[in-house]
Amino acid sequence: MTAPATAGAGHDPRYQLAIFDFDGTLADSGDWFLSIADDLAERFRFRKVDPAEIEGLRGRTSREVVRYLGIPRWKIPAIARHIHKRLASETDRIVLFDGVEAMIAELVASGVRIAIVTSNAEGNVRAILGPEIVAKIEMFECGASLFGKARRFRRVLRKLNVDKEHVIAIGDETRDIVAANKVGVDKAAVMWGYANRAILTALMPDMVFDSPGEVTDFLLRQPREAVA
């Protein structure tokens, strides 16, 4: 379901902790990834993607995309290391989505703790966020394997000592929802990132957000008793 309209200020935050994905959720890195896709395909010998295929791939799960491209699981760590190293010299090409900075500032000011769990490297994440936003993030769990986010979620909950019923995981890919289900935390899908609405809503997230402002409205202004 879509986040409801603002229900009025003055309520306690719905969640104590929000765990955000990074690429496609906070950072608008999609065009950058597409710009290096052919180079990656040549270097690591997997299938190149025609621009006409991109929209169709957005409607597939993460595992389906890996299979479609013909990428063996054993190559994924090497591909990730290469991407992280290349991005480290090009972080100036990545910007945050409109509204993300204000969303994080308002959540933190209202008592919501923020963690980031991502496959990206921590140095890249910090460089793209900038020091002012970094100071607001309580924990970084970076370098997660493509399908290893559930373990990172559990580590965040353990280190920050937050019960899972007070946590929401927010991301733009099917693997974010799958990981949240494994851990037993609430999950929300954002519609401005990689995967499309149909594939994300098919996994039945607890919430669907169309803008960072909707995240703020729901977490801070929706009365607890009105949340299904």
C-alpha atoms as a PDB file:
ATOM      1  CA  MET A   1       0.000   0.000   0.000  1.00  0.00           C
ATOM      2  CA  THR A   2       1.080   3.579  -0.505  1.00  0.00           C
ATOM      3  CA  ALA A   3       2.043   5.767   2.417  1.00  0.00           C
ATOM      4  CA  PRO A   4      -0.976   7.728   3.655  1.00  0.00           C
ATOM      5  CA  ALA A   5      -1.156  11.471   3.779  1.00  0.00           C
ATOM      6  CA  THR A   6       0.277  13.339   6.712  1.00  0.00           C
ATOM      7  CA  ALA A   7      -1.763  12.542   9.792  1.00  0.00           C
ATOM      8  CA  GLY A   8      -0.573  15.403  11.914  1.00  0.00           C
ATOM      9  CA  ALA A   9       2.526  16.106  13.936  1.00  0.00           C
ATOM     10  CA  GLY A  10       3.095  15.361  17.608  1.00  0.00           C
ATOM     11  CA  HIS A  11       3.257  11.578  17.545  1.00  0.00           C
ATOM     12  CA  ASP A  12       6.202   9.459  18.587  1.00  0.00           C
ATOM     13  CA  PRO A  13       8.186   8.061  15.659  1.00  0.00           C
ATOM     14  CA  ARG A  14       6.667   4.837  14.365  1.00  0.00           C
ATOM     15  CA  TYR A  15      10.103   3.150  14.400  1.00  0.00           C
ATOM     16  CA  GLN A  16      13.189   3.567  16.534  1.00  0.00           C
ATOM     17  CA  LEU A  17      15.538   2.588  13.705  1.00  0.00           C
ATOM     18  CA  ALA A  18      15.394   2.945   9.933  1.00  0.00           C
ATOM     19  CA  ILE A  19      17.870   0.862   7.929  1.00  0.00           C
ATOM     20  CA  PHE A  20      18.424   2.324   4.478  1.00  0.00           C
ATOM     21  CA  ASP A  21      19.907   0.813   1.372  1.00  0.00           C
ATOM     22  CA  PHE A  22      22.234   3.241  -0.401  1.00  0.00           C
ATOM     23  CA  ASP A  23      22.429   2.942  -4.203  1.00  0.00           C
ATOM     24  CA  GLY A  24      19.039   3.593  -5.744  1.00  0.00           C
ATOM     25  CA  THR A  25      17.542   4.538  -2.379  1.00  0.00           C
ATOM     26  CA  LEU A  26      19.639   7.433  -1.087  1.00  0.00           C
ATOM     27  CA  ALA A  27      22.075   7.896  -3.988  1.00  0.00           C
ATOM     28  CA  ASP A  28      21.057   8.361  -7.612  1.00  0.00           C
ATOM     29  CA  SER A  29      23.752   6.088  -9.000  1.00  0.00           C
ATOM     30  CA  GLY A  30      21.741   4.258 -11.662  1.00  0.00           C
ATOM     31  CA  ASP A  31      23.027   6.224 -14.645  1.00  0.00           C
ATOM     32  CA  TRP A  32      26.607   5.778 -13.472  1.00  0.00           C
ATOM     33  CA  PHE A  33      26.189   2.002 -13.242  1.00  0.00           C
ATOM     34  CA  LEU A  34      24.657   1.917 -16.713  1.00  0.00           C
ATOM     35  CA  SER A  35      27.573   3.967 -18.068  1.00  0.00           C
ATOM     36  CA  ILE A  36      30.073   1.278 -17.044  1.00  0.00           C
ATOM     37  CA  ALA A  37      27.893  -1.762 -17.813  1.00  0.00           C
ATOM     38  CA  ASP A  38      29.452  -2.579 -21.192  1.00  0.00           C
ATOM     39  CA  ASP A  39      32.948  -2.274 -19.765  1.00  0.00           C
ATOM     40  CA  LEU A  40      32.017  -4.656 -16.942  1.00  0.00           C
ATOM     41  CA  ALA A  41      30.503  -7.130 -19.399  1.00  0.00           C
ATOM     42  CA  GLU A  42      33.667  -7.156 -21.484  1.00  0.00           C
ATOM     43  CA  ARG A  43      36.022  -7.355 -18.507  1.00  0.00           C
ATOM     44  CA  PHE A  44      34.140 -10.116 -16.691  1.00  0.00           C
ATOM     45  CA  ARG A  45      32.691 -11.835 -19.758  1.00  0.00           C
ATOM     46  CA  PHE A  46      28.978 -11.704 -19.154  1.00  0.00           C
ATOM     47  CA  ARG A  47      26.099 -10.707 -21.381  1.00  0.00           C
ATOM     48  CA  LYS A  48      25.857  -7.084 -22.507  1.00  0.00           C
ATOM     49  CA  VAL A  49      22.516  -5.382 -22.003  1.00  0.00           C
ATOM     50  CA  ASP A  50      20.826  -3.577 -24.852  1.00  0.00           C
ATOM     51  CA  PRO A  51      19.182  -0.295 -23.746  1.00  0.00           C
ATOM     52  CA  ALA A  52      15.851  -1.729 -24.877  1.00  0.00           C
ATOM     53  CA  GLU A  53      16.213  -4.505 -22.301  1.00  0.00           C
ATOM     54  CA  ILE A  54      16.707  -2.291 -19.260  1.00  0.00           C
ATOM     55  CA  GLU A  55      13.059  -1.705 -18.442  1.00  0.00           C
ATOM     56  CA  GLY A  56      12.348  -5.427 -18.635  1.00  0.00           C
ATOM     57  CA  LEU A  57      15.210  -6.188 -16.263  1.00  0.00           C
ATOM     58  CA  ARG A  58      13.772  -3.737 -13.747  1.00  0.00           C
ATOM     59  CA  GLY A  59      10.829  -6.117 -13.497  1.00  0.00           C
ATOM     60  CA  ARG A  60      12.977  -9.111 -12.498  1.00  0.00           C
ATOM     61  CA  THR A  61      14.304 -10.134  -9.123  1.00  0.00           C
ATOM     62  CA  SER A  62      17.995  -9.644  -8.337  1.00  0.00           C
ATOM     63  CA  ARG A  63      18.665 -13.371  -8.741  1.00  0.00           C
ATOM     64  CA  GLU A  64      16.862 -13.431 -12.070  1.00  0.00           C
ATOM     65  CA  VAL A  65      18.960 -10.541 -13.362  1.00  0.00           C
ATOM     66  CA  VAL A  66      22.189 -12.310 -12.393  1.00  0.00           C
ATOM     67  CA  ARG A  67      21.042 -15.471 -14.196  1.00  0.00           C
ATOM     68  CA  TYR A  68      19.884 -13.519 -17.248  1.00  0.00           C
ATOM     69  CA  LEU A  69      23.275 -11.830 -17.589  1.00  0.00           C
ATOM     70  CA  GLY A  70      25.032 -15.158 -17.222  1.00  0.00           C
ATOM     71  CA  ILE A  71      27.147 -14.093 -14.255  1.00  0.00           C
ATOM     72  CA  PRO A  72      28.469 -17.041 -12.227  1.00  0.00           C
ATOM     73  CA  ARG A  73      28.085 -16.526  -8.485  1.00  0.00           C
ATOM     74  CA  TRP A  74      31.840 -16.904  -7.982  1.00  0.00           C
ATOM     75  CA  LYS A  75      32.519 -13.841 -10.151  1.00  0.00           C
ATOM     76  CA  ILE A  76      30.263 -11.510  -8.168  1.00  0.00           C
ATOM     77  CA  PRO A  77      32.812 -10.563  -5.437  1.00  0.00           C
ATOM     78  CA  ALA A  78      35.454  -9.647  -8.052  1.00  0.00           C
ATOM     79  CA  ILE A  79      32.926  -7.570  -9.983  1.00  0.00           C
ATOM     80  CA  ALA A  80      31.917  -5.775  -6.794  1.00  0.00           C
ATOM     81  CA  ARG A  81      35.538  -4.978  -5.895  1.00  0.00           C
ATOM     82  CA  HIS A  82      36.140  -3.565  -9.368  1.00  0.00           C
ATOM     83  CA  ILE A  83      33.025  -1.397  -9.196  1.00  0.00           C
ATOM     84  CA  HIS A  84      33.939  -0.071  -5.753  1.00  0.00           C
ATOM     85  CA  LYS A  85      37.469   0.801  -6.846  1.00  0.00           C
ATOM     86  CA  ARG A  86      36.273   2.573  -9.977  1.00  0.00           C
ATOM     87  CA  LEU A  87      33.577   4.477  -8.137  1.00  0.00           C
ATOM     88  CA  ALA A  88      36.100   5.674  -5.558  1.00  0.00           C
ATOM     89  CA  SER A  89      37.622   7.940  -8.218  1.00  0.00           C
ATOM     90  CA  GLU A  90      34.253   9.071  -9.589  1.00  0.00           C
ATOM     91  CA  THR A  91      32.115   9.755  -6.507  1.00  0.00           C
ATOM     92  CA  ASP A  92      31.663  13.337  -7.721  1.00  0.00           C
ATOM     93  CA  ARG A  93      29.410  11.940 -10.452  1.00  0.00           C
ATOM     94  CA  ILE A  94      26.865  10.635  -7.934  1.00  0.00           C
ATOM     95  CA  VAL A  95      24.305  12.842  -6.231  1.00  0.00           C
ATOM     96  CA  LEU A  96      21.630  12.118  -3.655  1.00  0.00           C
ATOM     97  CA  PHE A  97      18.010  11.960  -4.723  1.00  0.00           C
ATOM     98  CA  ASP A  98      16.053  15.157  -4.155  1.00  0.00           C
ATOM     99  CA  GLY A  99      14.667  15.224  -0.637  1.00  0.00           C
ATOM    100  CA  VAL A 100      17.053  12.664   0.861  1.00  0.00           C
ATOM    101  CA  GLU A 101      19.138  15.147   2.841  1.00  0.00           C
ATOM    102  CA  ALA A 102      16.029  16.775   4.345  1.00  0.00           C
ATOM    103  CA  MET A 103      14.511  13.347   5.073  1.00  0.00           C
ATOM    104  CA  ILE A 104      17.541  12.177   7.039  1.00  0.00           C
ATOM    105  CA  ALA A 105      17.834  15.466   8.923  1.00  0.00           C
ATOM    106  CA  GLU A 106      14.178  15.413   9.980  1.00  0.00           C
ATOM    107  CA  LEU A 107      14.190  11.760  10.974  1.00  0.00           C
ATOM    108  CA  VAL A 108      17.275  12.139  13.143  1.00  0.00           C
ATOM    109  CA  ALA A 109      16.029  15.373  14.700  1.00  0.00           C
ATOM    110  CA  SER A 110      12.829  13.526  15.649  1.00  0.00           C
ATOM    111  CA  GLY A 111      14.644  10.664  17.334  1.00  0.00           C
ATOM    112  CA  VAL A 112      14.801   8.037  14.585  1.00  0.00           C
ATOM    113  CA  ARG A 113      18.167   6.282  14.464  1.00  0.00           C
ATOM    114  CA  ILE A 114      19.625   5.714  10.999  1.00  0.00           C
ATOM    115  CA  ALA A 115      21.794   2.874   9.705  1.00  0.00           C
ATOM    116  CA  ILE A 116      22.928   2.132   6.170  1.00  0.00           C
ATOM    117  CA  VAL A 117      23.361  -1.410   4.877  1.00  0.00           C
ATOM    118  CA  THR A 118      24.780  -1.565   1.368  1.00  0.00           C
ATOM    119  CA  SER A 119      26.900  -3.562  -1.023  1.00  0.00           C
ATOM    120  CA  ASN A 120      28.888  -0.415  -1.768  1.00  0.00           C
ATOM    121  CA  ALA A 121      32.186   0.380  -0.069  1.00  0.00           C
ATOM    122  CA  GLU A 122      32.049   2.536   3.055  1.00  0.00           C
ATOM    123  CA  GLY A 123      34.538   5.054   1.691  1.00  0.00           C
ATOM    124  CA  ASN A 124      32.354   5.631  -1.371  1.00  0.00           C
ATOM    125  CA  VAL A 125      29.216   5.961   0.735  1.00  0.00           C
ATOM    126  CA  ARG A 126      30.807   8.505   3.061  1.00  0.00           C
ATOM    127  CA  ALA A 127      32.229  10.535   0.159  1.00  0.00           C
ATOM    128  CA  ILE A 128      28.868  10.732  -1.616  1.00  0.00           C
ATOM    129  CA  LEU A 129      26.884  11.575   1.517  1.00  0.00           C
ATOM    130  CA  GLY A 130      29.292  14.250   2.713  1.00  0.00           C
ATOM    131  CA  PRO A 131      30.385  14.916   6.303  1.00  0.00           C
ATOM    132  CA  GLU A 132      27.213  16.687   7.439  1.00  0.00           C
ATOM    133  CA  ILE A 133      24.985  13.730   6.581  1.00  0.00           C
ATOM    134  CA  VAL A 134      27.566  11.142   7.657  1.00  0.00           C
ATOM    135  CA  ALA A 135      27.492  12.640  11.142  1.00  0.00           C
ATOM    136  CA  LYS A 136      23.787  11.777  11.354  1.00  0.00           C
ATOM    137  CA  ILE A 137      24.245   8.086  10.472  1.00  0.00           C
ATOM    138  CA  GLU A 138      24.660   5.895  13.532  1.00  0.00           C
ATOM    139  CA  MET A 139      26.017   2.799  11.815  1.00  0.00           C
ATOM    140  CA  PHE A 140      27.406   1.782   8.422  1.00  0.00           C
ATOM    141  CA  GLU A 141      27.352  -1.853   7.321  1.00  0.00           C
ATOM    142  CA  CYS A 142      29.013  -1.709   3.929  1.00  0.00           C
ATOM    143  CA  GLY A 143      30.421  -4.221   1.483  1.00  0.00           C
ATOM    144  CA  ALA A 144      27.531  -6.651   1.903  1.00  0.00           C
ATOM    145  CA  SER A 145      27.555  -9.471  -0.613  1.00  0.00           C
ATOM    146  CA  LEU A 146      24.861  -9.343  -3.269  1.00  0.00           C
ATOM    147  CA  PHE A 147      22.601 -11.683  -1.305  1.00  0.00           C
ATOM    148  CA  GLY A 148      24.096 -11.192   2.152  1.00  0.00           C
ATOM    149  CA  LYS A 149      22.120  -8.299   3.543  1.00  0.00           C
ATOM    150  CA  ALA A 150      20.145 -10.327   6.091  1.00  0.00           C
ATOM    151  CA  ARG A 151      23.333 -11.050   8.054  1.00  0.00           C
ATOM    152  CA  ARG A 152      24.197  -7.346   8.010  1.00  0.00           C
ATOM    153  CA  PHE A 153      20.709  -6.422   9.211  1.00  0.00           C
ATOM    154  CA  ARG A 154      21.095  -8.781  12.160  1.00  0.00           C
ATOM    155  CA  ARG A 155      24.450  -7.239  13.013  1.00  0.00           C
ATOM    156  CA  VAL A 156      22.937  -3.754  13.033  1.00  0.00           C
ATOM    157  CA  LEU A 157      20.107  -4.834  15.342  1.00  0.00           C
ATOM    158  CA  ARG A 158      22.564  -6.535  17.682  1.00  0.00           C
ATOM    159  CA  LYS A 159      25.094  -3.698  17.830  1.00  0.00           C
ATOM    160  CA  LEU A 160      22.484  -0.958  18.175  1.00  0.00           C
ATOM    161  CA  ASN A 161      20.438  -3.068  20.610  1.00  0.00           C
ATOM    162  CA  VAL A 162      17.086  -2.479  18.923  1.00  0.00           C
ATOM    163  CA  ASP A 163      14.275  -5.040  18.919  1.00  0.00           C
ATOM    164  CA  LYS A 164      13.223  -6.005  15.413  1.00  0.00           C
ATOM    165  CA  GLU A 165       9.632  -4.887  15.946  1.00  0.00           C
ATOM    166  CA  HIS A 166      10.932  -1.311  16.170  1.00  0.00           C
ATOM    167  CA  VAL A 167      12.885  -1.458  12.899  1.00  0.00           C
ATOM    168  CA  ILE A 168      12.036  -0.790   9.275  1.00  0.00           C
ATOM    169  CA  ALA A 169      14.292  -1.578   6.306  1.00  0.00           C
ATOM    170  CA  ILE A 170      13.931   0.691   3.284  1.00  0.00           C
ATOM    171  CA  GLY A 171      15.307  -0.147  -0.158  1.00  0.00           C
ATOM    172  CA  ASP A 172      14.741  -0.149  -3.898  1.00  0.00           C
ATOM    173  CA  GLU A 173      15.490  -3.769  -4.842  1.00  0.00           C
ATOM    174  CA  THR A 174      13.863  -7.137  -4.319  1.00  0.00           C
ATOM    175  CA  ARG A 175      16.863  -8.364  -2.319  1.00  0.00           C
ATOM    176  CA  ASP A 176      16.211  -5.627   0.264  1.00  0.00           C
ATOM    177  CA  ILE A 177      12.706  -6.979   0.864  1.00  0.00           C
ATOM    178  CA  VAL A 178      13.899 -10.587   0.909  1.00  0.00           C
ATOM    179  CA  ALA A 179      16.574  -9.759   3.498  1.00  0.00           C
ATOM    180  CA  ALA A 180      14.084  -7.915   5.702  1.00  0.00           C
ATOM    181  CA  ASN A 181      11.738 -10.907   5.574  1.00  0.00           C
ATOM    182  CA  LYS A 182      14.549 -13.235   6.656  1.00  0.00           C
ATOM    183  CA  VAL A 183      15.303 -11.051   9.666  1.00  0.00           C
ATOM    184  CA  GLY A 184      11.675 -10.349  10.554  1.00  0.00           C
ATOM    185  CA  VAL A 185      11.704  -6.558  10.355  1.00  0.00           C
ATOM    186  CA  ASP A 186       9.181  -4.392   8.573  1.00  0.00           C
ATOM    187  CA  LYS A 187      10.131  -3.516   5.022  1.00  0.00           C
ATOM    188  CA  ALA A 188       9.390  -0.640   2.678  1.00  0.00           C
ATOM    189  CA  ALA A 189      10.023  -0.299  -1.040  1.00  0.00           C
ATOM    190  CA  VAL A 190      10.914   2.994  -2.704  1.00  0.00           C
ATOM    191  CA  MET A 191       9.760   3.636  -6.233  1.00  0.00           C
ATOM    192  CA  TRP A 192      12.529   5.972  -7.408  1.00  0.00           C
ATOM    193  CA  GLY A 193      15.305   3.370  -7.614  1.00  0.00           C
ATOM    194  CA  TYR A 194      16.165   0.314  -9.708  1.00  0.00           C
ATOM    195  CA  ALA A 195      13.333  -2.216  -9.512  1.00  0.00           C
ATOM    196  CA  ASN A 196       9.898  -1.308 -10.833  1.00  0.00           C
ATOM    197  CA  ARG A 197       6.654  -1.098  -8.897  1.00  0.00           C
ATOM    198  CA  ALA A 198       5.198  -4.397 -10.109  1.00  0.00           C
ATOM    199  CA  ILE A 199       8.088  -6.602  -8.981  1.00  0.00           C
ATOM    200  CA  LEU A 200       8.442  -4.803  -5.643  1.00  0.00           C
ATOM    201  CA  THR A 201       4.760  -4.819  -4.731  1.00  0.00           C
ATOM    202  CA  ALA A 202       4.556  -8.519  -5.702  1.00  0.00           C
ATOM    203  CA  LEU A 203       6.809  -9.181  -2.692  1.00  0.00           C
ATOM    204  CA  MET A 204       4.253  -7.454  -0.448  1.00  0.00           C
ATOM    205  CA  PRO A 205       6.310  -4.797   1.343  1.00  0.00           C
ATOM    206  CA  ASP A 206       4.658  -3.227   4.387  1.00  0.00           C
ATOM    207  CA  MET A 207       4.868   0.187   2.767  1.00  0.00           C
ATOM    208  CA  VAL A 208       5.548   1.699  -0.656  1.00  0.00           C
ATOM    209  CA  PHE A 209       7.009   5.190  -0.899  1.00  0.00           C
ATOM    210  CA  ASP A 210       7.011   7.433  -3.977  1.00  0.00           C
ATOM    211  CA  SER A 211       9.229  10.150  -2.525  1.00  0.00           C
ATOM    212  CA  PRO A 212      11.560  10.744   0.438  1.00  0.00           C
ATOM    213  CA  GLY A 213       8.930  13.101   1.812  1.00  0.00           C
ATOM    214  CA  GLU A 214       6.509  10.185   2.118  1.00  0.00           C
ATOM    215  CA  VAL A 215       9.080   8.315   4.207  1.00  0.00           C
ATOM    216  CA  THR A 216       9.216  11.232   6.631  1.00  0.00           C
ATOM    217  CA  ASP A 217       5.450  11.609   6.721  1.00  0.00           C
ATOM    218  CA  PHE A 218       4.910   7.958   7.566  1.00  0.00           C
ATOM    219  CA  LEU A 219       7.694   7.465  10.083  1.00  0.00           C
ATOM    220  CA  LEU A 220       7.052  10.701  11.961  1.00  0.00           C
ATOM    221  CA  ARG A 221       3.472  11.779  11.435  1.00  0.00           C
ATOM    222  CA  GLN A 222       1.389   8.641  11.143  1.00  0.00           C
ATOM    223  CA  PRO A 223      -0.275   7.758  14.457  1.00  0.00           C
ATOM    224  CA  ARG A 224       0.819   4.376  15.805  1.00  0.00           C
ATOM    225  CA  GLU A 225      -2.760   3.137  16.085  1.00  0.00           C
ATOM    226  CA  ALA A 226      -3.416   3.859  12.399  1.00  0.00           C
ATOM    227  CA  VAL A 227      -0.553   1.708  11.110  1.00  0.00           C
ATOM    228  CA  ALA A 228      -1.656  -1.688   9.803  1.00  0.00           C
END
